Protein backbone atom coordinates (compact mmCIF):
# COMPACT_ATOMS: atom_id res chain seq x y z
CA MET A 1 -45.41 -12.38 -44.36
CA ASN A 2 -43.98 -10.42 -41.47
CA PHE A 3 -40.81 -11.33 -39.59
CA GLY A 4 -42.69 -13.28 -36.93
CA SER A 5 -44.36 -15.47 -39.55
CA ILE A 6 -41.04 -16.12 -41.28
CA LEU A 7 -39.46 -17.19 -37.99
CA CYS A 8 -42.40 -19.47 -37.19
CA VAL A 9 -42.04 -21.21 -40.55
CA ALA A 10 -38.25 -21.53 -40.25
CA PHE A 11 -38.31 -22.87 -36.68
CA THR A 12 -41.17 -25.26 -37.45
CA ALA A 13 -39.24 -26.61 -40.45
CA ILE A 14 -36.20 -27.24 -38.23
CA LEU A 15 -38.39 -29.02 -35.68
CA ALA A 16 -40.09 -31.13 -38.37
CA LEU A 17 -36.78 -32.24 -39.88
CA THR A 18 -34.99 -32.99 -36.61
CA ALA A 19 -38.03 -34.88 -35.30
CA ASN A 20 -37.23 -37.46 -38.00
CA ALA A 21 -33.86 -38.25 -36.43
CA ASN A 22 -32.83 -41.85 -35.84
CA HIS A 23 -32.01 -41.20 -32.19
CA ALA A 24 -35.21 -42.14 -30.33
CA THR A 25 -34.39 -40.09 -27.24
CA LEU A 26 -33.80 -36.95 -29.32
CA VAL A 27 -37.17 -37.42 -31.00
CA SER A 28 -38.84 -37.94 -27.62
CA LEU A 29 -37.21 -34.78 -26.25
CA LEU A 30 -38.26 -32.69 -29.25
CA LEU A 31 -41.88 -33.86 -29.31
CA SER A 32 -42.42 -33.75 -25.55
CA ASN A 33 -40.92 -30.29 -25.37
CA ALA A 34 -43.05 -29.08 -28.30
CA VAL A 35 -46.25 -30.17 -26.54
CA ALA A 36 -45.16 -28.52 -23.28
CA GLN A 37 -44.22 -25.24 -24.99
CA VAL A 38 -47.53 -25.06 -26.87
CA GLY A 39 -49.47 -25.52 -23.64
CA LEU A 40 -47.35 -23.03 -21.71
CA PHE A 41 -47.45 -20.27 -24.34
CA THR A 42 -51.16 -20.75 -24.98
CA VAL A 43 -52.08 -20.28 -21.31
CA VAL A 44 -49.44 -17.74 -20.24
CA ALA A 45 -48.99 -15.57 -23.36
CA CYS A 46 -51.48 -16.13 -26.20
CA ILE A 47 -54.78 -16.07 -24.28
CA PRO A 48 -53.73 -13.06 -22.13
CA PHE A 49 -52.58 -11.25 -25.28
CA TRP A 50 -55.87 -11.89 -27.04
CA ARG A 51 -57.78 -10.56 -24.02
CA THR A 52 -55.60 -7.50 -23.29
CA GLY A 53 -53.65 -6.74 -26.49
CA ARG A 54 -50.36 -6.79 -24.52
CA MET A 55 -47.38 -8.77 -25.80
CA SER A 56 -45.49 -8.38 -22.53
CA TYR A 57 -46.89 -11.68 -21.21
CA VAL A 58 -44.35 -13.40 -23.44
CA ASP A 59 -41.66 -12.19 -21.01
CA ILE A 60 -43.13 -14.68 -18.54
CA ALA A 61 -43.88 -17.49 -20.99
CA TRP A 62 -40.51 -17.48 -22.76
CA PRO A 63 -38.20 -17.85 -19.74
CA PHE A 64 -40.39 -20.44 -18.06
CA GLY A 65 -40.33 -22.23 -21.42
CA VAL A 66 -36.53 -22.23 -21.22
CA ALA A 67 -36.75 -23.74 -17.72
CA THR A 68 -39.10 -26.35 -19.18
CA ILE A 69 -36.38 -27.35 -21.66
CA GLY A 70 -34.12 -27.98 -18.67
CA LEU A 71 -36.75 -30.17 -17.03
CA MET A 72 -37.15 -32.17 -20.25
CA ILE A 73 -33.39 -32.75 -20.33
CA LEU A 74 -33.43 -33.90 -16.72
CA LEU A 75 -36.37 -36.26 -17.22
CA LEU A 76 -35.69 -37.69 -20.69
CA GLY A 77 -31.99 -37.23 -21.47
CA ASP A 78 -29.98 -40.46 -21.61
CA GLY A 79 -26.45 -39.11 -21.84
CA HIS A 80 -23.81 -39.04 -19.12
CA PRO A 81 -25.58 -38.17 -15.83
CA LEU A 82 -23.24 -35.34 -14.82
CA ARG A 83 -23.38 -33.68 -18.25
CA LYS A 84 -27.15 -34.06 -18.34
CA LEU A 85 -27.52 -32.60 -14.85
CA ALA A 86 -25.21 -29.69 -15.68
CA ILE A 87 -26.95 -28.63 -18.89
CA ALA A 88 -30.39 -29.09 -17.33
CA GLY A 89 -29.27 -26.85 -14.48
CA VAL A 90 -28.08 -24.20 -16.93
CA TYR A 91 -31.45 -24.04 -18.70
CA VAL A 92 -33.43 -24.06 -15.45
CA LEU A 93 -31.21 -21.34 -13.96
CA ILE A 94 -31.54 -19.12 -17.05
CA GLY A 95 -35.29 -19.58 -17.18
CA LEU A 96 -36.16 -19.21 -13.52
CA ARG A 97 -33.92 -16.19 -13.07
CA MET A 98 -35.60 -14.29 -15.89
CA GLY A 99 -39.08 -15.67 -15.35
CA MET A 100 -39.26 -14.93 -11.63
CA GLY A 101 -37.70 -11.54 -12.27
CA ALA A 102 -40.45 -10.71 -14.78
CA VAL A 103 -43.22 -11.84 -12.42
CA LEU A 104 -41.83 -9.91 -9.45
CA MET A 105 -41.26 -6.78 -11.53
CA GLY A 106 -44.74 -7.07 -12.98
CA ARG A 107 -46.31 -7.32 -9.54
CA ALA A 108 -44.24 -4.39 -8.24
CA THR A 109 -44.64 -1.99 -11.18
CA GLY A 110 -47.75 -3.13 -13.02
CA VAL A 111 -45.91 -3.64 -16.30
CA ILE A 112 -47.06 -6.84 -18.04
CA PHE A 113 -50.20 -7.17 -15.92
CA LYS A 114 -51.47 -3.59 -16.37
CA THR A 115 -49.25 -1.86 -18.92
CA GLU A 116 -47.08 -2.81 -21.89
CA PHE A 117 -43.28 -2.84 -21.95
CA PRO A 118 -41.98 0.04 -24.11
CA ARG A 119 -40.15 -2.43 -26.37
CA TYR A 120 -43.46 -4.07 -27.28
CA GLU A 121 -45.07 -0.68 -27.80
CA TYR A 122 -42.23 -0.10 -30.26
CA ARG A 123 -42.96 -3.39 -32.05
CA LYS A 124 -46.64 -2.43 -32.25
CA MET A 125 -45.70 0.93 -33.74
CA VAL A 126 -43.45 -0.74 -36.33
CA LEU A 127 -46.17 -3.21 -37.28
CA GLN A 128 -48.75 -0.43 -37.55
CA GLY A 129 -46.50 1.24 -40.09
CA SER A 130 -46.05 -1.88 -42.21
CA HIS A 131 -49.26 -3.90 -41.56
CA PRO A 132 -51.87 -1.46 -40.22
CA ASP A 133 -54.80 -3.81 -40.85
CA LYS A 134 -53.22 -6.91 -39.26
CA VAL A 135 -51.35 -5.60 -36.23
CA ARG A 136 -52.83 -7.98 -33.65
CA LEU A 137 -52.33 -10.99 -35.91
CA HIS A 138 -48.68 -10.14 -36.52
CA MET A 139 -48.10 -9.44 -32.83
CA LEU A 140 -49.47 -12.91 -32.14
CA THR A 141 -47.11 -14.47 -34.69
CA GLU A 142 -44.16 -12.83 -32.92
CA ILE A 143 -45.30 -14.42 -29.65
CA LEU A 144 -45.61 -17.77 -31.44
CA ALA A 145 -42.14 -17.28 -32.96
CA GLN A 146 -40.67 -17.26 -29.45
CA ALA A 147 -42.60 -20.43 -28.66
CA CYS A 148 -41.28 -22.06 -31.85
CA ALA A 149 -37.75 -20.99 -30.92
CA ASN A 150 -38.11 -22.79 -27.58
CA MET A 151 -39.29 -25.89 -29.47
CA SER A 152 -36.36 -25.88 -31.89
CA VAL A 153 -33.22 -23.75 -32.03
CA LEU A 154 -32.98 -22.86 -28.33
CA ALA A 155 -33.59 -26.46 -27.26
CA LEU A 156 -31.30 -28.24 -29.74
CA PRO A 157 -27.91 -27.43 -28.12
CA GLY A 158 -29.13 -28.65 -24.75
CA PHE A 159 -30.81 -31.74 -26.16
CA MET A 160 -27.68 -32.78 -28.06
CA LEU A 161 -25.59 -32.35 -24.92
CA ALA A 162 -28.12 -34.45 -23.00
CA LEU A 163 -27.53 -37.36 -25.41
CA ASN A 164 -23.74 -37.44 -25.12
CA PRO A 165 -22.60 -40.53 -23.15
CA SER A 166 -18.92 -39.55 -22.91
CA PRO A 167 -17.62 -39.25 -19.33
CA VAL A 168 -14.86 -36.87 -20.46
CA LEU A 169 -15.29 -33.14 -21.07
CA SER A 170 -13.81 -31.98 -24.36
CA ALA A 171 -11.98 -28.68 -24.93
CA TRP A 172 -15.10 -27.39 -26.72
CA GLU A 173 -17.26 -28.14 -23.69
CA ILE A 174 -14.80 -26.54 -21.28
CA ALA A 175 -14.64 -23.42 -23.48
CA GLY A 176 -18.44 -23.32 -23.75
CA ILE A 177 -18.96 -23.72 -20.00
CA ALA A 178 -16.36 -21.02 -19.30
CA THR A 179 -18.06 -18.69 -21.79
CA TRP A 180 -21.45 -19.33 -20.23
CA ALA A 181 -20.17 -18.79 -16.68
CA ALA A 182 -18.36 -15.57 -17.58
CA ALA A 183 -21.42 -14.30 -19.44
CA TYR A 184 -23.71 -15.12 -16.53
CA VAL A 185 -21.47 -13.13 -14.17
CA LEU A 186 -21.33 -10.23 -16.66
CA GLU A 187 -25.11 -10.15 -17.04
CA SER A 188 -25.71 -10.23 -13.29
CA THR A 189 -23.08 -7.52 -12.76
CA ALA A 190 -24.55 -5.28 -15.47
CA ASP A 191 -28.05 -5.64 -14.01
CA ALA A 192 -26.79 -4.83 -10.51
CA GLN A 193 -24.88 -1.77 -11.74
CA LYS A 194 -27.96 -0.48 -13.56
CA LEU A 195 -30.18 -0.98 -10.51
CA ARG A 196 -27.71 0.88 -8.27
CA TYR A 197 -27.58 3.74 -10.77
CA ILE A 198 -31.38 3.96 -10.91
CA ALA A 199 -31.58 3.95 -7.10
CA LYS A 200 -29.16 6.90 -6.92
CA ASN A 201 -30.85 8.82 -9.74
CA LYS A 202 -34.52 8.65 -8.86
CA GLY A 203 -35.32 11.64 -11.03
CA GLY A 204 -34.51 9.59 -14.12
CA VAL A 205 -32.06 12.18 -15.49
CA GLY A 206 -28.69 11.40 -17.02
CA VAL A 207 -27.34 8.25 -18.64
CA CYS A 208 -26.11 5.13 -16.90
CA GLU A 209 -22.43 5.11 -17.84
CA VAL A 210 -20.91 3.24 -14.91
CA GLY A 211 -19.01 -0.03 -14.82
CA LEU A 212 -19.78 -2.23 -17.82
CA TRP A 213 -22.16 0.41 -19.20
CA LYS A 214 -19.13 2.54 -20.01
CA TYR A 215 -17.98 -0.01 -22.62
CA SER A 216 -21.33 -1.06 -24.09
CA ARG A 217 -24.71 0.66 -24.17
CA HIS A 218 -26.33 -2.72 -23.54
CA PRO A 219 -23.87 -4.98 -21.68
CA ASN A 220 -26.75 -7.03 -20.24
CA TYR A 221 -28.00 -7.88 -23.75
CA PHE A 222 -24.46 -8.70 -24.91
CA ALA A 223 -23.99 -11.02 -21.94
CA GLU A 224 -27.34 -12.73 -22.57
CA TRP A 225 -26.30 -13.42 -26.17
CA LEU A 226 -22.95 -14.74 -24.89
CA VAL A 227 -24.78 -17.08 -22.49
CA TRP A 228 -26.46 -18.83 -25.43
CA THR A 229 -23.34 -18.74 -27.56
CA GLY A 230 -21.48 -20.55 -24.79
CA ILE A 231 -24.13 -23.30 -24.78
CA VAL A 232 -23.78 -23.64 -28.56
CA ILE A 233 -19.99 -23.94 -28.28
CA ALA A 234 -20.34 -26.63 -25.61
CA ALA A 235 -22.68 -28.62 -27.89
CA VAL A 236 -20.18 -28.97 -30.76
CA PRO A 237 -18.70 -32.38 -29.69
CA SER A 238 -22.19 -33.79 -29.06
CA TRP A 239 -23.27 -32.65 -32.53
CA LEU A 240 -20.17 -34.20 -34.14
CA ALA A 241 -20.87 -37.50 -32.35
CA LEU A 242 -24.34 -37.69 -33.91
CA ARG A 243 -22.88 -37.88 -37.43
CA GLU A 244 -22.49 -41.65 -37.05
CA SER A 245 -26.19 -42.24 -36.45
CA GLU A 246 -27.93 -39.51 -38.48
CA SER A 247 -28.31 -38.81 -42.19
CA LEU A 248 -26.39 -35.87 -43.59
CA LEU A 249 -29.57 -33.77 -43.90
CA ILE A 250 -30.65 -34.34 -40.29
CA TRP A 251 -27.12 -33.86 -39.00
CA LEU A 252 -26.64 -30.57 -40.85
CA THR A 253 -30.07 -29.37 -39.70
CA LEU A 254 -29.12 -30.11 -36.10
CA GLY A 255 -25.92 -28.09 -36.50
CA LEU A 256 -27.56 -25.15 -38.26
CA GLY A 257 -30.41 -25.25 -35.76
CA ALA A 258 -28.01 -25.04 -32.84
CA LEU A 259 -26.21 -22.10 -34.47
CA GLY A 260 -29.65 -20.56 -34.84
CA ALA A 261 -29.83 -20.21 -31.05
CA SER A 262 -26.98 -17.70 -31.12
CA ALA A 263 -28.24 -15.98 -34.28
CA MET A 264 -31.82 -15.75 -33.01
CA MET A 265 -30.76 -14.27 -29.66
CA TYR A 266 -28.54 -11.70 -31.38
CA THR A 267 -31.34 -10.61 -33.72
CA THR A 268 -33.86 -10.41 -30.90
CA LEU A 269 -31.59 -8.63 -28.43
CA VAL A 270 -30.42 -6.04 -30.97
CA TYR A 271 -33.29 -5.42 -33.36
CA LEU A 272 -36.63 -6.87 -32.22
CA THR A 273 -37.14 -6.34 -28.49
CA GLY A 274 -33.69 -5.24 -27.31
CA ALA A 275 -31.27 -2.44 -28.06
CA VAL A 276 -32.94 -0.67 -30.99
CA PRO A 277 -36.40 -0.38 -29.35
CA ALA A 278 -34.84 0.69 -26.04
CA GLU A 279 -32.79 3.42 -27.69
CA TYR A 280 -35.78 4.73 -29.63
CA TYR A 281 -37.19 5.88 -26.29
CA SER A 282 -33.88 6.70 -24.56
CA VAL A 283 -32.96 9.31 -27.18
CA ARG A 284 -36.33 11.00 -26.68
CA LYS A 285 -36.26 10.93 -22.89
CA ARG A 286 -32.60 11.79 -22.24
CA PRO A 287 -30.84 14.64 -24.11
CA GLU A 288 -27.43 13.20 -23.14
CA TYR A 289 -28.11 9.85 -24.78
CA THR A 290 -27.10 10.93 -28.30
CA ALA A 291 -23.60 11.80 -27.08
CA TYR A 292 -23.47 8.47 -25.26
CA GLN A 293 -24.35 6.71 -28.53
CA GLN A 294 -21.54 8.50 -30.32
CA ARG A 295 -18.80 7.50 -27.89
CA THR A 296 -19.95 4.01 -26.79
CA ASN A 297 -20.54 0.82 -28.79
CA MET A 298 -24.16 -0.33 -28.86
CA PHE A 299 -23.67 -4.08 -28.32
CA PHE A 300 -20.13 -5.47 -28.41
CA PRO A 301 -18.07 -3.93 -25.58
CA TRP A 302 -15.14 -1.74 -26.51
CA PHE A 303 -13.25 1.20 -25.10
CA PRO A 304 -15.28 4.41 -25.34
CA GLN A 305 -14.24 7.00 -27.86
CA GLN A 306 -12.29 9.81 -26.25
CA ARG A 307 -14.14 13.07 -25.83
CA SER A 308 -11.42 14.97 -27.68
CA GLU A 309 -11.70 12.63 -30.66
CA GLN A 310 -15.48 12.93 -30.60
CA SER A 311 -15.33 16.73 -30.42
CA ALA A 312 -13.04 16.82 -33.44
CA LYS A 313 -15.36 14.48 -35.29
CA ASP A 314 -18.38 16.67 -34.41
CA ARG A 315 -16.60 19.76 -35.77
């Protein structure tokens, strides 16, 4: 089994267990969302992949799937109206921002619709090295893994919040909302800084080392992970409240599944389609990138290593 198959099995197991919950609304949310995600990914990602061999279509299916989770919360959630509206808005905002961005970029540049994203070329290369006779099948399982994530771990924090009837925000929820808001601002700022840098350096030379990019080689990926971590933090009180109505197994699965949202995003953004694939090409295209790697953290922001310290280390 490749990594995509393992994720599909794990996410499906979480969905199967949590769909046996005692809370009828939670079950309705999980099953309705699963049907919607299957339909969306089949039409938007799986069929186009099978016809073209390009995985990049998942960059449209996945975010619109996230927006679909928000719509499910809005339509089926039975918790406090303001909390339900807020978390639905978060999911819809995350999904539409990324989904519309992918569509507009695809129409402007041809990537997705005519060519493959480099990160998916990297995944194809990795799979050719480990499973040369089953590359297309394993690429398909990685698309399906993202669909299964939308059905389970990425949906669970929002669904639990949508069930919470309390009119009072807890400290956990305030901390989670603050984390999400700060992360959203960081991600938007990082994207804007990168776009300005690209506009000023049309020749494609040099390394973007301005603003947030001075402290992390991938501040946009870090912020995206923090967005989901903030949602998980906000869901803690709602998860604790479900202990009264759910068996220990279901309750623990809900908690581990919600934590899986943060873990899954970290793994994806660092190893699968994020930092590592991006840097594979950056090192080859930009001679200065190796020095940038040596003085700047890859993911978690921190102060860059001083040039004098780095020179001494190099000697």
